[in-house]
Amino acid sequence: MNDAIKILRREIVSRGFGLLERVTFWRRKFNGAPREFTREFYDSGPGATILLYDPERRRIVLVRQFRPAAYLVEGRDSLIETCAGKLEGAAAADRIVTEVLEETGFKIERPTYLFSAFMSPGVYAEKISFFTAPYTPQDRVADGGGLDDENEDIEILEPTLEEALDMITRGEIEDAKTILLIHYAVLHRLLER
């Protein structure tokens, strides 16, 4: 910990799907002035996400599923995203292999780690590990669609990278992790190898 920052109080507000906590900090600002402030943070645990890409067909795998927050804020019945999930105590690379099989039905072996990022650190503790992995149609060993006991109802999409970029432009893809991975694929010419 840093001597310029002290936690004065912590209070659990709610414990459900994640942990909602109210924390009061004392912090010495960058200009040296002291400040006390309180924030609420939500922590549902770390996660992982992956962009599956087929270099032969120049396609990627995305999933469409219901997201309560998007429905409550905008009335959207679903979001289009990259495959993702919570780590639940597993290593990120191991967990994403399991998520890919559960959500998409594709069996992948060794995902390539790209980077990790806090998605909205002002109020969320969620840090996501980002991966890519190639796939082929022959890697589909199951139906996918998610797990019933986790209330998942997932549709699998296989757009081209160009179609996915157009979906971002039209506002059909509004998920930050997905936009990051699609732009990563463009920047690093993932489908041009």
Protein backbone atom coordinates (compact mmCIF):
# COMPACT_ATOMS: atom_id res chain seq x y z
CA MET A 1 0.00 0.00 0.00
CA ASN A 2 0.93 3.64 -0.43
CA ASP A 3 1.56 6.07 2.46
CA ALA A 4 -0.32 8.73 0.52
CA ILE A 5 -3.51 6.62 0.60
CA LYS A 6 -5.36 5.20 3.61
CA ILE A 7 -8.60 3.26 3.82
CA LEU A 8 -10.63 4.76 6.67
CA ARG A 9 -13.83 2.66 6.46
CA ARG A 10 -15.20 -0.29 4.48
CA GLU A 11 -18.84 -1.34 4.50
CA ILE A 12 -20.42 -4.18 2.57
CA VAL A 13 -23.61 -2.82 1.02
CA SER A 14 -24.66 -6.01 -0.76
CA ARG A 15 -23.34 -9.48 -1.48
CA GLY A 16 -25.08 -11.26 -4.36
CA PHE A 17 -23.82 -11.93 -7.88
CA GLY A 18 -20.88 -9.76 -6.79
CA LEU A 19 -19.82 -7.61 -3.87
CA LEU A 20 -21.00 -4.00 -3.54
CA GLU A 21 -18.86 -2.12 -1.05
CA ARG A 22 -18.76 1.49 0.22
CA VAL A 23 -15.19 2.58 1.00
CA THR A 24 -13.97 5.83 2.56
CA PHE A 25 -10.44 6.87 1.60
CA TRP A 26 -7.97 9.46 2.80
CA ARG A 27 -5.60 10.43 0.00
CA ARG A 28 -2.89 12.99 -0.53
CA LYS A 29 -3.67 14.56 -3.93
CA PHE A 30 -0.96 14.93 -6.57
CA ASN A 31 -0.53 18.58 -5.50
CA GLY A 32 0.00 17.44 -1.87
CA ALA A 33 -3.38 18.52 -0.49
CA PRO A 34 -5.19 15.96 1.72
CA ARG A 35 -8.64 14.73 0.75
CA GLU A 36 -11.22 12.35 2.24
CA PHE A 37 -13.87 10.84 -0.01
CA THR A 38 -16.27 7.89 -0.23
CA ARG A 39 -16.97 5.70 -3.25
CA GLU A 40 -19.02 2.59 -3.92
CA PHE A 41 -17.37 -0.26 -5.82
CA TYR A 42 -18.80 -3.37 -7.39
CA ASP A 43 -16.66 -6.48 -7.66
CA SER A 44 -17.98 -9.52 -9.48
CA GLY A 45 -14.48 -10.99 -9.83
CA PRO A 46 -11.89 -11.07 -12.60
CA GLY A 47 -12.77 -12.37 -16.02
CA ALA A 48 -11.42 -13.34 -19.42
CA THR A 49 -12.51 -12.75 -22.99
CA ILE A 50 -11.34 -14.06 -26.34
CA LEU A 51 -11.57 -13.29 -30.02
CA LEU A 52 -11.76 -16.51 -32.00
CA TYR A 53 -10.69 -16.03 -35.62
CA ASP A 54 -10.68 -18.23 -38.70
CA PRO A 55 -7.84 -17.04 -40.96
CA GLU A 56 -9.01 -19.17 -43.91
CA ARG A 57 -12.58 -17.85 -44.02
CA ARG A 58 -11.62 -14.45 -42.50
CA ARG A 59 -14.37 -14.82 -39.89
CA ILE A 60 -14.58 -14.25 -36.15
CA VAL A 61 -16.85 -15.70 -33.49
CA LEU A 62 -19.17 -13.42 -31.56
CA VAL A 63 -22.07 -14.26 -29.28
CA ARG A 64 -25.41 -12.55 -28.75
CA GLN A 65 -27.05 -12.73 -25.34
CA PHE A 66 -29.40 -10.92 -23.00
CA ARG A 67 -27.70 -8.42 -20.68
CA PRO A 68 -29.92 -7.01 -17.92
CA ALA A 69 -28.01 -3.69 -17.65
CA ALA A 70 -28.37 -2.97 -21.39
CA TYR A 71 -32.07 -3.79 -21.18
CA LEU A 72 -32.65 -1.56 -18.15
CA VAL A 73 -30.69 1.38 -19.58
CA GLU A 74 -31.71 1.23 -23.25
CA GLY A 75 -34.34 -1.48 -23.61
CA ARG A 76 -31.93 -3.57 -25.71
CA ASP A 77 -32.94 -7.23 -25.79
CA SER A 78 -29.35 -8.41 -26.33
CA LEU A 79 -25.72 -7.41 -26.83
CA ILE A 80 -23.22 -8.80 -29.32
CA GLU A 81 -19.94 -9.67 -27.64
CA THR A 82 -16.82 -11.77 -27.70
CA CYS A 83 -17.00 -14.96 -25.66
CA ALA A 84 -16.20 -14.16 -22.00
CA GLY A 85 -16.66 -15.33 -18.46
CA LYS A 86 -15.64 -15.02 -14.83
CA LEU A 87 -12.50 -16.85 -13.71
CA GLU A 88 -14.10 -18.42 -10.62
CA GLY A 89 -10.66 -19.19 -9.15
CA ALA A 90 -9.19 -20.71 -12.32
CA ALA A 91 -6.26 -19.41 -14.35
CA ALA A 92 -7.48 -17.05 -17.07
CA ALA A 93 -6.13 -19.17 -19.97
CA ASP A 94 -7.75 -22.33 -18.59
CA ARG A 95 -11.08 -20.66 -17.84
CA ILE A 96 -11.42 -19.07 -21.28
CA VAL A 97 -10.98 -22.49 -22.94
CA THR A 98 -13.91 -23.76 -20.86
CA GLU A 99 -16.03 -20.66 -21.61
CA VAL A 100 -15.43 -21.04 -25.35
CA LEU A 101 -16.69 -24.63 -25.28
CA GLU A 102 -19.72 -23.77 -23.11
CA GLU A 103 -20.75 -20.68 -25.08
CA THR A 104 -19.77 -21.51 -28.66
CA GLY A 105 -19.18 -25.26 -28.85
CA PHE A 106 -15.67 -24.74 -30.26
CA LYS A 107 -12.76 -26.63 -28.70
CA ILE A 108 -9.57 -24.59 -28.62
CA GLU A 109 -6.21 -25.61 -27.23
CA ARG A 110 -3.82 -22.74 -26.46
CA PRO A 111 -5.24 -19.23 -26.44
CA THR A 112 -2.74 -16.40 -26.92
CA TYR A 113 -2.69 -13.90 -24.04
CA LEU A 114 -2.74 -10.27 -25.22
CA PHE A 115 -3.19 -8.00 -22.17
CA SER A 116 -5.31 -7.34 -19.09
CA ALA A 117 -7.39 -4.24 -18.45
CA PHE A 118 -9.73 -2.70 -15.90
CA MET A 119 -12.96 -2.09 -17.80
CA SER A 120 -14.43 0.79 -15.79
CA PRO A 121 -12.17 1.41 -12.76
CA GLY A 122 -14.13 4.37 -11.43
CA VAL A 123 -16.69 2.02 -9.88
CA TYR A 124 -15.92 -1.56 -10.97
CA ALA A 125 -13.10 -3.76 -9.70
CA GLU A 126 -13.45 -6.04 -12.75
CA LYS A 127 -10.17 -6.74 -14.52
CA ILE A 128 -10.34 -8.78 -17.71
CA SER A 129 -7.63 -10.84 -19.41
CA PHE A 130 -7.82 -10.65 -23.21
CA PHE A 131 -6.95 -13.55 -25.54
CA THR A 132 -7.11 -14.60 -29.18
CA ALA A 133 -7.14 -18.06 -30.73
CA PRO A 134 -7.57 -19.43 -34.22
CA TYR A 135 -10.39 -21.83 -34.96
CA THR A 136 -11.83 -23.77 -37.88
CA PRO A 137 -15.34 -25.11 -38.48
CA GLN A 138 -13.97 -28.58 -37.63
CA ASP A 139 -13.20 -27.37 -34.07
CA ARG A 140 -16.93 -27.26 -33.33
CA VAL A 141 -17.52 -30.27 -31.08
CA ALA A 142 -20.71 -29.20 -29.28
CA ASP A 143 -23.76 -26.98 -29.79
CA GLY A 144 -22.64 -24.21 -27.42
CA GLY A 145 -25.31 -21.75 -26.34
CA GLY A 146 -24.24 -21.50 -22.70
CA LEU A 147 -25.30 -23.27 -19.54
CA ASP A 148 -28.95 -23.51 -18.47
CA ASP A 149 -28.03 -23.46 -14.78
CA GLU A 150 -26.35 -20.06 -15.35
CA ASN A 151 -29.44 -18.80 -17.23
CA GLU A 152 -27.40 -18.41 -20.42
CA ASP A 153 -29.15 -18.23 -23.77
CA ILE A 154 -26.45 -17.58 -26.35
CA GLU A 155 -26.66 -17.22 -30.13
CA ILE A 156 -23.40 -17.79 -32.02
CA LEU A 157 -22.47 -15.40 -34.86
CA GLU A 158 -19.61 -15.68 -37.37
CA PRO A 159 -19.25 -12.33 -39.15
CA THR A 160 -16.26 -11.32 -41.20
CA LEU A 161 -13.98 -8.79 -39.56
CA GLU A 162 -15.28 -6.14 -41.98
CA GLU A 163 -18.88 -6.96 -41.05
CA ALA A 164 -17.98 -6.67 -37.35
CA LEU A 165 -16.40 -3.25 -37.93
CA ASP A 166 -19.58 -2.13 -39.71
CA MET A 167 -21.62 -3.44 -36.75
CA ILE A 168 -19.57 -1.20 -34.44
CA THR A 169 -20.15 1.80 -36.71
CA ARG A 170 -23.91 1.14 -36.81
CA GLY A 171 -24.08 0.77 -33.02
CA GLU A 172 -24.92 -2.94 -33.14
CA ILE A 173 -21.79 -3.78 -31.13
CA GLU A 174 -21.48 -1.59 -28.02
CA ASP A 175 -19.53 -3.89 -25.72
CA ALA A 176 -16.12 -2.39 -24.82
CA LYS A 177 -14.17 -5.66 -24.63
CA THR A 178 -15.49 -6.70 -28.03
CA ILE A 179 -14.65 -3.37 -29.64
CA LEU A 180 -11.12 -3.58 -28.19
CA LEU A 181 -10.55 -7.09 -29.56
CA ILE A 182 -11.96 -6.30 -33.01
CA HIS A 183 -9.72 -3.24 -33.28
CA TYR A 184 -6.80 -5.31 -32.00
CA ALA A 185 -7.44 -7.76 -34.86
CA VAL A 186 -7.42 -4.92 -37.38
CA LEU A 187 -4.34 -3.21 -35.91
CA HIS A 188 -2.33 -6.43 -35.77
CA ARG A 189 -3.68 -7.75 -39.09
CA LEU A 190 -4.78 -10.93 -37.40
CA LEU A 191 -6.72 -12.17 -40.42
CA GLU A 192 -4.13 -11.18 -43.01
CA ARG A 193 -1.52 -13.82 -42.11
